[in-house]
Structures are given as structure tokens and as C-alpha cells.
């Protein structure tokens, strides 16, 4: 019978012949390190989406508000991140972060709206 070593820490493994790790801790550590980069990407994007959502909802307490691009930028709004786009029949394009949306107007103004769901 051949002795195998843990893929994470290198300790000798006892037990089933198909075991790859000496403990749950080593198994979890190993699997978390493999998926770390993709999990970090998703986590970072979700955090930035949450920040955008918070900014829109704080500025749009009435359900329909006009704000300047500068005010959004000053609060840290990221125009590259949104969850959906809605184009009206008249050609207006609304960008949404979940149920909070915005529409670009003239003179660097934006109309903030809340979608009723």
C-alpha cells in the first residue's frame, strides 16, 4: 500500500485510498486558493455595484430626481457598471443598477428614477 501526501500541506494521509487531503481545513484552503482570483473579481464587481446602487438610492429619495454628472462622480459613481439597459421606443436609453436607473440628459445632467417592481 502506497502512502500519499496531502495536496495542501504535504502531511501523510491516512484513511481511504482516494483521499487527497489530510483534513477539511487543508481541503478548503486548497480549493479556496484555486478559485481565489475569480471569486475576488466577482466580489469586487459586486461591491462596486452595491456602491453605485447606494449612491443612486441616496440621491433619488423621491423616486425621480435630476443630478449633475459631477455630483455622481464626486460620490464615486462608476458609469461602467450597471445591471441592465432599457431602450424606449423614442430612443432614450436608461441604465439600471438593479431597480435604480438613470438617463443622460442635456448639459451633463442625469434623471434618476426608481423602477417599480
C-alpha atoms as a PDB file:
ATOM      1  CA  UNK A   1       0.000   0.000   0.000  1.00  0.00           C
ATOM      2  CA  UNK A   2       1.449   3.386  -1.027  1.00  0.00           C
ATOM      3  CA  UNK A   3       1.299   6.391   1.290  1.00  0.00           C
ATOM      4  CA  UNK A   4       0.003   9.608  -0.224  1.00  0.00           C
ATOM      5  CA  UNK A   5       0.703  13.143   0.895  1.00  0.00           C
ATOM      6  CA  UNK A   6      -1.829  15.944   1.383  1.00  0.00           C
ATOM      7  CA  UNK A   7      -2.012  18.247  -1.666  1.00  0.00           C
ATOM      8  CA  UNK A   8      -2.090  21.316   0.622  1.00  0.00           C
ATOM      9  CA  UNK A   9       0.348  20.720   3.499  1.00  0.00           C
ATOM     10  CA  UNK A  10       2.281  17.618   2.415  1.00  0.00           C
ATOM     11  CA  UNK A  11       1.454  15.560   5.531  1.00  0.00           C
ATOM     12  CA  UNK A  12       0.918  11.807   5.194  1.00  0.00           C
ATOM     13  CA  UNK A  13      -2.716  10.860   4.525  1.00  0.00           C
ATOM     14  CA  UNK A  14      -4.381   8.007   6.374  1.00  0.00           C
ATOM     15  CA  UNK A  15      -7.762   6.527   5.592  1.00  0.00           C
ATOM     16  CA  UNK A  16      -9.455   5.963   2.262  1.00  0.00           C
ATOM     17  CA  UNK A  17      -7.226   5.243  -0.711  1.00  0.00           C
ATOM     18  CA  UNK A  18      -8.749   8.091  -2.788  1.00  0.00           C
ATOM     19  CA  UNK A  19      -8.245  10.827  -0.144  1.00  0.00           C
ATOM     20  CA  UNK A  20      -6.282  13.850  -1.348  1.00  0.00           C
ATOM     21  CA  UNK A  21      -6.196  15.930   1.837  1.00  0.00           C
ATOM     22  CA  UNK A  22      -5.393  15.193   5.465  1.00  0.00           C
ATOM     23  CA  UNK A  23      -8.214  17.387   6.836  1.00  0.00           C
ATOM     24  CA  UNK A  24     -11.213  19.533   5.935  1.00  0.00           C
ATOM     25  CA  UNK A  25      -9.092  22.601   6.671  1.00  0.00           C
ATOM     26  CA  UNK A  26      -6.490  21.596   4.045  1.00  0.00           C
ATOM     27  CA  UNK A  27      -9.194  20.691   1.504  1.00  0.00           C
ATOM     28  CA  UNK A  28     -10.925  24.064   1.968  1.00  0.00           C
ATOM     29  CA  UNK A  29      -7.664  26.023   1.890  1.00  0.00           C
ATOM     30  CA  UNK A  30      -6.565  24.274  -1.293  1.00  0.00           C
ATOM     31  CA  UNK A  31      -9.900  24.791  -3.098  1.00  0.00           C
ATOM     32  CA  UNK A  32     -10.182  28.411  -1.959  1.00  0.00           C
ATOM     33  CA  UNK A  33      -6.704  29.205  -3.256  1.00  0.00           C
ATOM     34  CA  UNK A  34      -7.566  27.767  -6.679  1.00  0.00           C
ATOM     35  CA  UNK A  35     -10.747  29.857  -7.064  1.00  0.00           C
ATOM     36  CA  UNK A  36      -9.363  32.974  -5.350  1.00  0.00           C
ATOM     37  CA  UNK A  37      -8.876  35.131  -8.459  1.00  0.00           C
ATOM     38  CA  UNK A  38     -12.333  34.537  -9.946  1.00  0.00           C
ATOM     39  CA  UNK A  39     -14.008  34.955  -6.541  1.00  0.00           C
ATOM     40  CA  UNK A  40     -12.142  38.216  -5.960  1.00  0.00           C
ATOM     41  CA  UNK A  41     -13.225  39.550  -9.353  1.00  0.00           C
ATOM     42  CA  UNK A  42     -16.886  38.786  -8.662  1.00  0.00           C
ATOM     43  CA  UNK A  43     -16.641  40.143  -5.119  1.00  0.00           C
ATOM     44  CA  UNK A  44     -15.040  43.394  -6.317  1.00  0.00           C
ATOM     45  CA  UNK A  45     -17.630  43.926  -9.066  1.00  0.00           C
ATOM     46  CA  UNK A  46     -20.488  43.209  -6.650  1.00  0.00           C
ATOM     47  CA  UNK A  47     -19.047  45.694  -4.161  1.00  0.00           C
ATOM     48  CA  UNK A  48     -18.796  48.378  -6.857  1.00  0.00           C
ATOM     49  CA  UNK A  49     -22.379  47.643  -7.988  1.00  0.00           C
ATOM     50  CA  UNK A  50     -23.553  47.975  -4.381  1.00  0.00           C
ATOM     51  CA  UNK A  51     -21.750  51.318  -4.141  1.00  0.00           C
ATOM     52  CA  UNK A  52     -23.431  52.534  -7.350  1.00  0.00           C
ATOM     53  CA  UNK A  53     -26.812  51.365  -6.027  1.00  0.00           C
ATOM     54  CA  UNK A  54     -26.285  53.152  -2.720  1.00  0.00           C
ATOM     55  CA  UNK A  55     -25.309  56.389  -4.481  1.00  0.00           C
ATOM     56  CA  UNK A  56     -28.361  56.297  -6.774  1.00  0.00           C
ATOM     57  CA  UNK A  57     -30.790  55.458  -3.981  1.00  0.00           C
ATOM     58  CA  UNK A  58     -29.403  58.157  -1.656  1.00  0.00           C
ATOM     59  CA  UNK A  59     -29.574  60.849  -4.346  1.00  0.00           C
ATOM     60  CA  UNK A  60     -33.024  59.731  -5.533  1.00  0.00           C
ATOM     61  CA  UNK A  61     -35.072  59.647  -2.344  1.00  0.00           C
ATOM     62  CA  UNK A  62     -38.200  60.940  -4.107  1.00  0.00           C
ATOM     63  CA  UNK A  63     -38.230  58.380  -6.934  1.00  0.00           C
ATOM     64  CA  UNK A  64     -37.440  60.916  -9.676  1.00  0.00           C
ATOM     65  CA  UNK A  65     -34.544  63.392  -9.376  1.00  0.00           C
ATOM     66  CA  UNK A  66     -32.161  65.350 -11.588  1.00  0.00           C
ATOM     67  CA  UNK A  67     -28.469  65.436 -10.670  1.00  0.00           C
ATOM     68  CA  UNK A  68     -25.259  66.530 -12.341  1.00  0.00           C
ATOM     69  CA  UNK A  69     -22.562  64.215 -13.620  1.00  0.00           C
ATOM     70  CA  UNK A  70     -20.141  65.954 -11.222  1.00  0.00           C
ATOM     71  CA  UNK A  71     -22.274  65.087  -8.207  1.00  0.00           C
ATOM     72  CA  UNK A  72     -22.327  61.410  -9.223  1.00  0.00           C
ATOM     73  CA  UNK A  73     -18.565  61.392  -9.853  1.00  0.00           C
ATOM     74  CA  UNK A  74     -17.851  63.153  -6.558  1.00  0.00           C
ATOM     75  CA  UNK A  75     -19.699  60.401  -4.696  1.00  0.00           C
ATOM     76  CA  UNK A  76     -17.653  57.746  -6.536  1.00  0.00           C
ATOM     77  CA  UNK A  77     -20.239  56.556  -9.078  1.00  0.00           C
ATOM     78  CA  UNK A  78     -18.811  54.212 -11.755  1.00  0.00           C
ATOM     79  CA  UNK A  79     -20.640  54.692 -15.066  1.00  0.00           C
ATOM     80  CA  UNK A  80     -19.087  51.488 -16.455  1.00  0.00           C
ATOM     81  CA  UNK A  81     -21.007  49.243 -14.043  1.00  0.00           C
ATOM     82  CA  UNK A  82     -24.745  48.646 -14.288  1.00  0.00           C
ATOM     83  CA  UNK A  83     -27.001  45.599 -14.297  1.00  0.00           C
ATOM     84  CA  UNK A  84     -29.324  46.287 -17.242  1.00  0.00           C
ATOM     85  CA  UNK A  85     -30.183  48.668 -20.069  1.00  0.00           C
ATOM     86  CA  UNK A  86     -33.660  49.676 -21.193  1.00  0.00           C
ATOM     87  CA  UNK A  87     -34.223  51.454 -24.504  1.00  0.00           C
ATOM     88  CA  UNK A  88     -37.540  53.232 -25.021  1.00  0.00           C
ATOM     89  CA  UNK A  89     -39.411  53.409 -28.315  1.00  0.00           C
ATOM     90  CA  UNK A  90     -38.368  57.064 -28.558  1.00  0.00           C
ATOM     91  CA  UNK A  91     -34.688  56.102 -28.372  1.00  0.00           C
ATOM     92  CA  UNK A  92     -33.910  57.040 -24.757  1.00  0.00           C
ATOM     93  CA  UNK A  93     -31.502  54.667 -23.042  1.00  0.00           C
ATOM     94  CA  UNK A  94     -31.920  54.046 -19.325  1.00  0.00           C
ATOM     95  CA  UNK A  95     -29.165  52.323 -17.395  1.00  0.00           C
ATOM     96  CA  UNK A  96     -30.148  50.410 -14.263  1.00  0.00           C
ATOM     97  CA  UNK A  97     -28.356  49.206 -11.179  1.00  0.00           C
ATOM     98  CA  UNK A  98     -30.980  46.719 -10.044  1.00  0.00           C
ATOM     99  CA  UNK A  99     -34.128  48.890  -9.672  1.00  0.00           C
ATOM    100  CA  UNK A 100     -32.361  52.282  -9.570  1.00  0.00           C
ATOM    101  CA  UNK A 101     -31.930  53.820 -13.008  1.00  0.00           C
ATOM    102  CA  UNK A 102     -30.516  56.873 -14.721  1.00  0.00           C
ATOM    103  CA  UNK A 103     -30.967  58.603 -18.061  1.00  0.00           C
ATOM    104  CA  UNK A 104     -28.435  61.038 -19.551  1.00  0.00           C
ATOM    105  CA  UNK A 105     -29.982  64.442 -20.233  1.00  0.00           C
ATOM    106  CA  UNK A 106     -28.557  67.630 -21.745  1.00  0.00           C
ATOM    107  CA  UNK A 107     -25.868  69.727 -20.024  1.00  0.00           C
ATOM    108  CA  UNK A 108     -24.309  66.791 -18.129  1.00  0.00           C
ATOM    109  CA  UNK A 109     -27.472  66.214 -16.120  1.00  0.00           C
ATOM    110  CA  UNK A 110     -28.988  62.844 -15.313  1.00  0.00           C
ATOM    111  CA  UNK A 111     -32.537  61.885 -14.482  1.00  0.00           C
ATOM    112  CA  UNK A 112     -32.548  59.332 -11.671  1.00  0.00           C
ATOM    113  CA  UNK A 113     -35.569  57.052 -11.470  1.00  0.00           C
ATOM    114  CA  UNK A 114     -36.672  54.082  -9.455  1.00  0.00           C
ATOM    115  CA  UNK A 115     -38.278  51.171 -11.306  1.00  0.00           C
ATOM    116  CA  UNK A 116     -41.380  49.792  -9.625  1.00  0.00           C
ATOM    117  CA  UNK A 117     -41.074  46.039  -9.285  1.00  0.00           C
END
